[in-house]
Amino acid sequence: MAKVLGYLQAHANVLKWIFFAFLLGTLVFDFMIERHHAHFWGDSIIGFWSLFTLFGCLGMIVFCKGLSHVWLAQPEDFYDREDSDNVE
């Protein structure tokens, strides 16, 4: 498993372009499929679900990263400080 993760990390740029090609392929495929009737309002817009997925994922990444900085981030010297409450 470590070899696979190391390989993917070494070739991250290629993997990124493969994912972008897949996203572009789904967008092109969406132009070719026949639409019968829309179940949701986004079903009638060409490429809506591909773009919704992309921006939804990016939005969750930005939101969760910001949330982690608010809740989990500590000052740089957090572990170097001696708190008077923890000293015996």
PDB file of N, CA and C in Angstrom:
ATOM      1  N   MET A   1       0.823  -1.194   0.000  1.00  0.00           N
ATOM      2  CA  MET A   1       0.000   0.000   0.000  1.00  0.00           C
ATOM      3  C   MET A   1       0.866   1.256   0.000  1.00  0.00           C
ATOM      4  N   ALA A   2       1.981   1.212   0.727  1.00  0.00           N
ATOM      5  CA  ALA A   2       2.869   2.370   0.788  1.00  0.00           C
ATOM      6  C   ALA A   2       3.492   2.649  -0.568  1.00  0.00           C
ATOM      7  N   LYS A   3       3.791   1.591  -1.329  1.00  0.00           N
ATOM      8  CA  LYS A   3       4.365   1.777  -2.660  1.00  0.00           C
ATOM      9  C   LYS A   3       3.363   2.447  -3.597  1.00  0.00           C
ATOM     10  N   VAL A   4       2.099   2.042  -3.487  1.00  0.00           N
ATOM     11  CA  VAL A   4       1.060   2.634  -4.339  1.00  0.00           C
ATOM     12  C   VAL A   4       0.886   4.111  -3.994  1.00  0.00           C
ATOM     13  N   LEU A   5       0.814   4.430  -2.700  1.00  0.00           N
ATOM     14  CA  LEU A   5       0.663   5.828  -2.294  1.00  0.00           C
ATOM     15  C   LEU A   5       1.881   6.659  -2.672  1.00  0.00           C
ATOM     16  N   GLY A   6       3.074   6.084  -2.557  1.00  0.00           N
ATOM     17  CA  GLY A   6       4.283   6.788  -2.981  1.00  0.00           C
ATOM     18  C   GLY A   6       4.293   7.050  -4.468  1.00  0.00           C
ATOM     19  N   TYR A   7       3.842   6.061  -5.245  1.00  0.00           N
ATOM     20  CA  TYR A   7       3.768   6.233  -6.702  1.00  0.00           C
ATOM     21  C   TYR A   7       2.775   7.329  -7.070  1.00  0.00           C
ATOM     22  N   LEU A   8       1.594   7.312  -6.429  1.00  0.00           N
ATOM     23  CA  LEU A   8       0.581   8.335  -6.715  1.00  0.00           C
ATOM     24  C   LEU A   8       1.055   9.724  -6.293  1.00  0.00           C
ATOM     25  N   GLN A   9       1.781   9.796  -5.189  1.00  0.00           N
ATOM     26  CA  GLN A   9       2.304  11.092  -4.752  1.00  0.00           C
ATOM     27  C   GLN A   9       3.369  11.598  -5.715  1.00  0.00           C
ATOM     28  N   ALA A  10       4.195  10.696  -6.241  1.00  0.00           N
ATOM     29  CA  ALA A  10       5.236  11.099  -7.184  1.00  0.00           C
ATOM     30  C   ALA A  10       4.647  11.540  -8.519  1.00  0.00           C
ATOM     31  N   HIS A  11       3.487  11.014  -8.868  1.00  0.00           N
ATOM     32  CA  HIS A  11       2.851  11.334 -10.147  1.00  0.00           C
ATOM     33  C   HIS A  11       1.543  12.104  -9.934  1.00  0.00           C
ATOM     34  N   ALA A  12       1.515  12.989  -8.966  1.00  0.00           N
ATOM     35  CA  ALA A  12       0.299  13.728  -8.625  1.00  0.00           C
ATOM     36  C   ALA A  12      -0.166  14.621  -9.769  1.00  0.00           C
ATOM     37  N   ASN A  13       0.757  15.206 -10.510  1.00  0.00           N
ATOM     38  CA  ASN A  13       0.386  16.091 -11.608  1.00  0.00           C
ATOM     39  C   ASN A  13      -0.340  15.317 -12.703  1.00  0.00           C
ATOM     40  N   VAL A  14       0.145  14.125 -13.014  1.00  0.00           N
ATOM     41  CA  VAL A  14      -0.505  13.290 -14.033  1.00  0.00           C
ATOM     42  C   VAL A  14      -1.889  12.873 -13.553  1.00  0.00           C
ATOM     43  N   LEU A  15      -1.991  12.494 -12.296  1.00  0.00           N
ATOM     44  CA  LEU A  15      -3.270  12.085 -11.731  1.00  0.00           C
ATOM     45  C   LEU A  15      -4.281  13.231 -11.756  1.00  0.00           C
ATOM     46  N   LYS A  16      -3.818  14.443 -11.488  1.00  0.00           N
ATOM     47  CA  LYS A  16      -4.695  15.608 -11.533  1.00  0.00           C
ATOM     48  C   LYS A  16      -5.260  15.802 -12.933  1.00  0.00           C
ATOM     49  N   TRP A  17      -4.411  15.656 -13.947  1.00  0.00           N
ATOM     50  CA  TRP A  17      -4.877  15.832 -15.319  1.00  0.00           C
ATOM     51  C   TRP A  17      -5.797  14.697 -15.758  1.00  0.00           C
ATOM     52  N   ILE A  18      -5.602  13.505 -15.217  1.00  0.00           N
ATOM     53  CA  ILE A  18      -6.529  12.404 -15.513  1.00  0.00           C
ATOM     54  C   ILE A  18      -7.912  12.710 -14.942  1.00  0.00           C
ATOM     55  N   PHE A  19      -7.962  13.237 -13.733  1.00  0.00           N
ATOM     56  CA  PHE A  19      -9.245  13.607 -13.140  1.00  0.00           C
ATOM     57  C   PHE A  19      -9.914  14.742 -13.914  1.00  0.00           C
ATOM     58  N   PHE A  20      -9.141  15.726 -14.367  1.00  0.00           N
ATOM     59  CA  PHE A  20      -9.718  16.807 -15.172  1.00  0.00           C
ATOM     60  C   PHE A  20     -10.237  16.269 -16.505  1.00  0.00           C
ATOM     61  N   ALA A  21      -9.526  15.328 -17.109  1.00  0.00           N
ATOM     62  CA  ALA A  21      -9.984  14.718 -18.356  1.00  0.00           C
ATOM     63  C   ALA A  21     -11.283  13.944 -18.133  1.00  0.00           C
ATOM     64  N   PHE A  22     -11.381  13.257 -17.010  1.00  0.00           N
ATOM     65  CA  PHE A  22     -12.613  12.537 -16.681  1.00  0.00           C
ATOM     66  C   PHE A  22     -13.773  13.509 -16.510  1.00  0.00           C
ATOM     67  N   LEU A  23     -13.531  14.627 -15.841  1.00  0.00           N
ATOM     68  CA  LEU A  23     -14.568  15.639 -15.655  1.00  0.00           C
ATOM     69  C   LEU A  23     -15.000  16.218 -17.000  1.00  0.00           C
ATOM     70  N   LEU A  24     -14.031  16.491 -17.856  1.00  0.00           N
ATOM     71  CA  LEU A  24     -14.359  16.994 -19.191  1.00  0.00           C
ATOM     72  C   LEU A  24     -15.132  15.945 -19.986  1.00  0.00           C
ATOM     73  N   GLY A  25     -14.765  14.679 -19.828  1.00  0.00           N
ATOM     74  CA  GLY A  25     -15.485  13.601 -20.513  1.00  0.00           C
ATOM     75  C   GLY A  25     -16.932  13.501 -20.068  1.00  0.00           C
ATOM     76  N   THR A  26     -17.186  13.669 -18.779  1.00  0.00           N
ATOM     77  CA  THR A  26     -18.578  13.640 -18.313  1.00  0.00           C
ATOM     78  C   THR A  26     -19.357  14.837 -18.840  1.00  0.00           C
ATOM     79  N   LEU A  27     -18.682  15.962 -18.980  1.00  0.00           N
ATOM     80  CA  LEU A  27     -19.347  17.148 -19.522  1.00  0.00           C
ATOM     81  C   LEU A  27     -19.688  16.951 -20.994  1.00  0.00           C
ATOM     82  N   VAL A  28     -18.762  16.373 -21.751  1.00  0.00           N
ATOM     83  CA  VAL A  28     -19.013  16.099 -23.175  1.00  0.00           C
ATOM     84  C   VAL A  28     -20.114  15.057 -23.316  1.00  0.00           C
ATOM     85  N   PHE A  29     -20.086  14.020 -22.476  1.00  0.00           N
ATOM     86  CA  PHE A  29     -21.124  12.995 -22.510  1.00  0.00           C
ATOM     87  C   PHE A  29     -22.492  13.586 -22.225  1.00  0.00           C
ATOM     88  N   ASP A  30     -22.558  14.584 -21.367  1.00  0.00           N
ATOM     89  CA  ASP A  30     -23.822  15.216 -21.032  1.00  0.00           C
ATOM     90  C   ASP A  30     -24.430  15.932 -22.236  1.00  0.00           C
ATOM     91  N   PHE A  31     -23.588  16.392 -23.167  1.00  0.00           N
ATOM     92  CA  PHE A  31     -24.104  17.009 -24.392  1.00  0.00           C
ATOM     93  C   PHE A  31     -24.731  15.972 -25.310  1.00  0.00           C
ATOM     94  N   MET A  32     -24.278  14.730 -25.254  1.00  0.00           N
ATOM     95  CA  MET A  32     -24.713  13.702 -26.196  1.00  0.00           C
ATOM     96  C   MET A  32     -25.919  12.903 -25.731  1.00  0.00           C
ATOM     97  N   ILE A  33     -26.216  12.867 -24.439  1.00  0.00           N
ATOM     98  CA  ILE A  33     -27.322  12.037 -23.981  1.00  0.00           C
ATOM     99  C   ILE A  33     -28.656  12.710 -24.259  1.00  0.00           C
ATOM    100  N   GLU A  34     -29.670  11.871 -24.425  1.00  0.00           N
ATOM    101  CA  GLU A  34     -31.008  12.380 -24.697  1.00  0.00           C
ATOM    102  C   GLU A  34     -31.732  12.610 -23.378  1.00  0.00           C
ATOM    103  N   ARG A  35     -32.373  13.740 -23.271  1.00  0.00           N
ATOM    104  CA  ARG A  35     -33.117  14.064 -22.063  1.00  0.00           C
ATOM    105  C   ARG A  35     -34.605  13.816 -22.309  1.00  0.00           C
ATOM    106  N   HIS A  36     -35.224  13.028 -21.427  1.00  0.00           N
ATOM    107  CA  HIS A  36     -36.648  12.755 -21.576  1.00  0.00           C
ATOM    108  C   HIS A  36     -37.467  13.778 -20.800  1.00  0.00           C
ATOM    109  N   HIS A  37     -37.401  13.735 -19.508  1.00  0.00           N
ATOM    110  CA  HIS A  37     -38.056  14.746 -18.677  1.00  0.00           C
ATOM    111  C   HIS A  37     -37.206  14.955 -17.431  1.00  0.00           C
ATOM    112  N   ALA A  38     -37.186  16.167 -17.004  1.00  0.00           N
ATOM    113  CA  ALA A  38     -36.320  16.531 -15.866  1.00  0.00           C
ATOM    114  C   ALA A  38     -37.014  16.192 -14.555  1.00  0.00           C
ATOM    115  N   HIS A  39     -36.294  15.503 -13.674  1.00  0.00           N
ATOM    116  CA  HIS A  39     -36.807  15.228 -12.339  1.00  0.00           C
ATOM    117  C   HIS A  39     -36.492  16.389 -11.402  1.00  0.00           C
ATOM    118  N   PHE A  40     -35.351  17.048 -11.638  1.00  0.00           N
ATOM    119  CA  PHE A  40     -34.925  18.187 -10.844  1.00  0.00           C
ATOM    120  C   PHE A  40     -34.690  19.355 -11.785  1.00  0.00           C
ATOM    121  N   TRP A  41     -34.654  20.568 -11.245  1.00  0.00           N
ATOM    122  CA  TRP A  41     -34.480  21.741 -12.114  1.00  0.00           C
ATOM    123  C   TRP A  41     -33.114  21.747 -12.781  1.00  0.00           C
ATOM    124  N   GLY A  42     -32.105  21.122 -12.195  1.00  0.00           N
ATOM    125  CA  GLY A  42     -30.776  21.084 -12.780  1.00  0.00           C
ATOM    126  C   GLY A  42     -30.628  20.073 -13.904  1.00  0.00           C
ATOM    127  N   ASP A  43     -31.587  19.145 -14.015  1.00  0.00           N
ATOM    128  CA  ASP A  43     -31.501  18.121 -15.055  1.00  0.00           C
ATOM    129  C   ASP A  43     -31.632  18.690 -16.468  1.00  0.00           C
ATOM    130  N   SER A  44     -32.273  19.810 -16.606  1.00  0.00           N
ATOM    131  CA  SER A  44     -32.470  20.385 -17.941  1.00  0.00           C
ATOM    132  C   SER A  44     -31.296  21.250 -18.394  1.00  0.00           C
ATOM    133  N   ILE A  45     -30.368  21.561 -17.505  1.00  0.00           N
ATOM    134  CA  ILE A  45     -29.202  22.385 -17.840  1.00  0.00           C
ATOM    135  C   ILE A  45     -28.034  21.477 -18.185  1.00  0.00           C
ATOM    136  N   ILE A  46     -27.473  21.675 -19.367  1.00  0.00           N
ATOM    137  CA  ILE A  46     -26.367  20.831 -19.814  1.00  0.00           C
ATOM    138  C   ILE A  46     -25.129  21.105 -18.963  1.00  0.00           C
ATOM    139  N   GLY A  47     -24.564  20.038 -18.404  1.00  0.00           N
ATOM    140  CA  GLY A  47     -23.358  20.139 -17.602  1.00  0.00           C
ATOM    141  C   GLY A  47     -23.579  20.599 -16.176  1.00  0.00           C
ATOM    142  N   PHE A  48     -24.836  20.714 -15.754  1.00  0.00           N
ATOM    143  CA  PHE A  48     -25.118  21.241 -14.420  1.00  0.00           C
ATOM    144  C   PHE A  48     -24.536  20.357 -13.339  1.00  0.00           C
ATOM    145  N   TRP A  49     -24.749  19.044 -13.413  1.00  0.00           N
ATOM    146  CA  TRP A  49     -24.329  18.157 -12.338  1.00  0.00           C
ATOM    147  C   TRP A  49     -22.819  18.015 -12.277  1.00  0.00           C
ATOM    148  N   SER A  50     -22.144  18.119 -13.409  1.00  0.00           N
ATOM    149  CA  SER A  50     -20.677  18.095 -13.385  1.00  0.00           C
ATOM    150  C   SER A  50     -20.131  19.337 -12.694  1.00  0.00           C
ATOM    151  N   LEU A  51     -20.667  20.484 -13.047  1.00  0.00           N
ATOM    152  CA  LEU A  51     -20.213  21.734 -12.427  1.00  0.00           C
ATOM    153  C   LEU A  51     -20.659  21.831 -10.969  1.00  0.00           C
ATOM    154  N   PHE A  52     -21.849  21.326 -10.669  1.00  0.00           N
ATOM    155  CA  PHE A  52     -22.338  21.302  -9.293  1.00  0.00           C
ATOM    156  C   PHE A  52     -21.411  20.463  -8.413  1.00  0.00           C
ATOM    157  N   THR A  53     -20.980  19.316  -8.949  1.00  0.00           N
ATOM    158  CA  THR A  53     -20.074  18.444  -8.211  1.00  0.00           C
ATOM    159  C   THR A  53     -18.721  19.109  -8.001  1.00  0.00           C
ATOM    160  N   LEU A  54     -18.181  19.712  -9.037  1.00  0.00           N
ATOM    161  CA  LEU A  54     -16.874  20.360  -8.929  1.00  0.00           C
ATOM    162  C   LEU A  54     -16.900  21.490  -7.911  1.00  0.00           C
ATOM    163  N   PHE A  55     -17.852  22.401  -8.043  1.00  0.00           N
ATOM    164  CA  PHE A  55     -17.904  23.544  -7.137  1.00  0.00           C
ATOM    165  C   PHE A  55     -18.363  23.138  -5.738  1.00  0.00           C
ATOM    166  N   GLY A  56     -19.205  22.125  -5.629  1.00  0.00           N
ATOM    167  CA  GLY A  56     -19.599  21.630  -4.323  1.00  0.00           C
ATOM    168  C   GLY A  56     -18.419  21.036  -3.581  1.00  0.00           C
ATOM    169  N   CYS A  57     -17.597  20.265  -4.281  1.00  0.00           N
ATOM    170  CA  CYS A  57     -16.411  19.673  -3.663  1.00  0.00           C
ATOM    171  C   CYS A  57     -15.415  20.752  -3.253  1.00  0.00           C
ATOM    172  N   LEU A  58     -15.161  21.701  -4.126  1.00  0.00           N
ATOM    173  CA  LEU A  58     -14.240  22.790  -3.794  1.00  0.00           C
ATOM    174  C   LEU A  58     -14.766  23.630  -2.637  1.00  0.00           C
ATOM    175  N   GLY A  59     -16.072  23.858  -2.611  1.00  0.00           N
ATOM    176  CA  GLY A  59     -16.673  24.613  -1.515  1.00  0.00           C
ATOM    177  C   GLY A  59     -16.548  23.890  -0.184  1.00  0.00           C
ATOM    178  N   MET A  60     -16.751  22.567  -0.197  1.00  0.00           N
ATOM    179  CA  MET A  60     -16.591  21.806   1.048  1.00  0.00           C
ATOM    180  C   MET A  60     -15.149  21.809   1.525  1.00  0.00           C
ATOM    181  N   ILE A  61     -14.207  21.753   0.591  1.00  0.00           N
ATOM    182  CA  ILE A  61     -12.794  21.788   0.976  1.00  0.00           C
ATOM    183  C   ILE A  61     -12.457  23.118   1.637  1.00  0.00           C
ATOM    184  N   VAL A  62     -12.882  24.217   1.037  1.00  0.00           N
ATOM    185  CA  VAL A  62     -12.602  25.546   1.590  1.00  0.00           C
ATOM    186  C   VAL A  62     -13.292  25.713   2.944  1.00  0.00           C
ATOM    187  N   PHE A  63     -14.538  25.279   3.043  1.00  0.00           N
ATOM    188  CA  PHE A  63     -15.292  25.406   4.291  1.00  0.00           C
ATOM    189  C   PHE A  63     -14.650  24.583   5.402  1.00  0.00           C
ATOM    190  N   CYS A  64     -14.331  23.332   5.116  1.00  0.00           N
ATOM    191  CA  CYS A  64     -13.753  22.463   6.151  1.00  0.00           C
ATOM    192  C   CYS A  64     -12.358  22.910   6.548  1.00  0.00           C
ATOM    193  N   LYS A  65     -11.585  23.433   5.599  1.00  0.00           N
ATOM    194  CA  LYS A  65     -10.258  23.935   5.940  1.00  0.00           C
ATOM    195  C   LYS A  65     -10.379  25.172   6.834  1.00  0.00           C
ATOM    196  N   GLY A  66     -11.285  26.049   6.517  1.00  0.00           N
ATOM    197  CA  GLY A  66     -11.507  27.223   7.357  1.00  0.00           C
ATOM    198  C   GLY A  66     -12.013  26.842   8.729  1.00  0.00           C
ATOM    199  N   LEU A  67     -12.908  25.859   8.779  1.00  0.00           N
ATOM    200  CA  LEU A  67     -13.437  25.399  10.056  1.00  0.00           C
ATOM    201  C   LEU A  67     -12.356  24.756  10.907  1.00  0.00           C
ATOM    202  N   SER A  68     -11.462  24.028  10.272  1.00  0.00           N
ATOM    203  CA  SER A  68     -10.379  23.392  11.030  1.00  0.00           C
ATOM    204  C   SER A  68      -9.398  24.435  11.567  1.00  0.00           C
ATOM    205  N   HIS A  69      -9.196  25.512  10.842  1.00  0.00           N
ATOM    206  CA  HIS A  69      -8.314  26.571  11.348  1.00  0.00           C
ATOM    207  C   HIS A  69      -8.935  27.265  12.555  1.00  0.00           C
ATOM    208  N   VAL A  70     -10.238  27.387  12.563  1.00  0.00           N
ATOM    209  CA  VAL A  70     -10.909  28.049  13.687  1.00  0.00           C
ATOM    210  C   VAL A  70     -10.913  27.151  14.915  1.00  0.00           C
ATOM    211  N   TRP A  71     -11.234  25.859  14.744  1.00  0.00           N
ATOM    212  CA  TRP A  71     -11.397  24.973  15.889  1.00  0.00           C
ATOM    213  C   TRP A  71     -10.134  24.241  16.302  1.00  0.00           C
ATOM    214  N   LEU A  72      -9.295  23.869  15.342  1.00  0.00           N
ATOM    215  CA  LEU A  72      -8.169  22.994  15.656  1.00  0.00           C
ATOM    216  C   LEU A  72      -6.822  23.695  15.737  1.00  0.00           C
ATOM    217  N   ALA A  73      -6.690  24.824  15.102  1.00  0.00           N
ATOM    218  CA  ALA A  73      -5.392  25.495  15.050  1.00  0.00           C
ATOM    219  C   ALA A  73      -5.003  26.024  16.428  1.00  0.00           C
ATOM    220  N   GLN A  74      -3.736  25.874  16.731  1.00  0.00           N
ATOM    221  CA  GLN A  74      -3.182  26.365  17.991  1.00  0.00           C
ATOM    222  C   GLN A  74      -2.054  27.341  17.661  1.00  0.00           C
ATOM    223  N   PRO A  75      -1.728  28.221  18.605  1.00  0.00           N
ATOM    224  CA  PRO A  75      -0.587  29.113  18.371  1.00  0.00           C
ATOM    225  C   PRO A  75       0.700  28.307  18.164  1.00  0.00           C
ATOM    226  N   GLU A  76       1.652  28.928  17.516  1.00  0.00           N
ATOM    227  CA  GLU A  76       2.899  28.229  17.178  1.00  0.00           C
ATOM    228  C   GLU A  76       3.630  27.710  18.402  1.00  0.00           C
ATOM    229  N   ASP A  77       3.572  28.441  19.488  1.00  0.00           N
ATOM    230  CA  ASP A  77       4.288  28.026  20.700  1.00  0.00           C
ATOM    231  C   ASP A  77       3.369  27.309  21.699  1.00  0.00           C
ATOM    232  N   PHE A  78       2.310  26.715  21.256  1.00  0.00           N
ATOM    233  CA  PHE A  78       1.319  26.092  22.130  1.00  0.00           C
ATOM    234  C   PHE A  78       1.920  24.997  22.998  1.00  0.00           C
ATOM    235  N   TYR A  79       2.737  24.128  22.420  1.00  0.00           N
ATOM    236  CA  TYR A  79       3.302  23.013  23.170  1.00  0.00           C
ATOM    237  C   TYR A  79       4.565  23.406  23.949  1.00  0.00           C
ATOM    238  N   ASP A  80       5.128  24.563  23.663  1.00  0.00           N
ATOM    239  CA  ASP A  80       6.314  25.024  24.382  1.00  0.00           C
ATOM    240  C   ASP A  80       5.961  25.768  25.669  1.00  0.00           C
ATOM    241  N   ARG A  81       4.747  26.271  25.755  1.00  0.00           N
ATOM    242  CA  ARG A  81       4.338  27.038  26.924  1.00  0.00           C
ATOM    243  C   ARG A  81       4.073  26.116  28.114  1.00  0.00           C
ATOM    244  N   GLU A  82       4.345  26.623  29.271  1.00  0.00           N
ATOM    245  CA  GLU A  82       4.005  25.916  30.495  1.00  0.00           C
ATOM    246  C   GLU A  82       2.841  26.646  31.129  1.00  0.00           C
ATOM    247  N   ASP A  83       1.717  25.993  31.165  1.00  0.00           N
ATOM    248  CA  ASP A  83       0.545  26.593  31.788  1.00  0.00           C
ATOM    249  C   ASP A  83       0.610  26.380  33.294  1.00  0.00           C
ATOM    250  N   SER A  84       0.155  27.345  34.032  1.00  0.00           N
ATOM    251  CA  SER A  84       0.194  27.236  35.488  1.00  0.00           C
ATOM    252  C   SER A  84      -0.791  26.174  35.977  1.00  0.00           C
ATOM    253  N   ASP A  85      -1.814  25.855  35.168  1.00  0.00           N
ATOM    254  CA  ASP A  85      -2.785  24.842  35.570  1.00  0.00           C
ATOM    255  C   ASP A  85      -2.210  23.430  35.484  1.00  0.00           C
ATOM    256  N   ASN A  86      -1.278  23.188  34.561  1.00  0.00           N
ATOM    257  CA  ASN A  86      -0.738  21.865  34.340  1.00  0.00           C
ATOM    258  C   ASN A  86       0.530  21.584  35.122  1.00  0.00           C
ATOM    259  N   VAL A  87       1.094  22.561  35.794  1.00  0.00           N
ATOM    260  CA  VAL A  87       2.344  22.368  36.528  1.00  0.00           C
ATOM    261  C   VAL A  87       2.018  21.783  37.898  1.00  0.00           C
ATOM    262  N   GLU A  88       2.737  20.715  38.257  1.00  0.00           N
ATOM    263  CA  GLU A  88       2.463  20.075  39.553  1.00  0.00           C
ATOM    264  C   GLU A  88       3.294  20.661  40.645  1.00  0.00           C
TER     265      GLU A  88
END
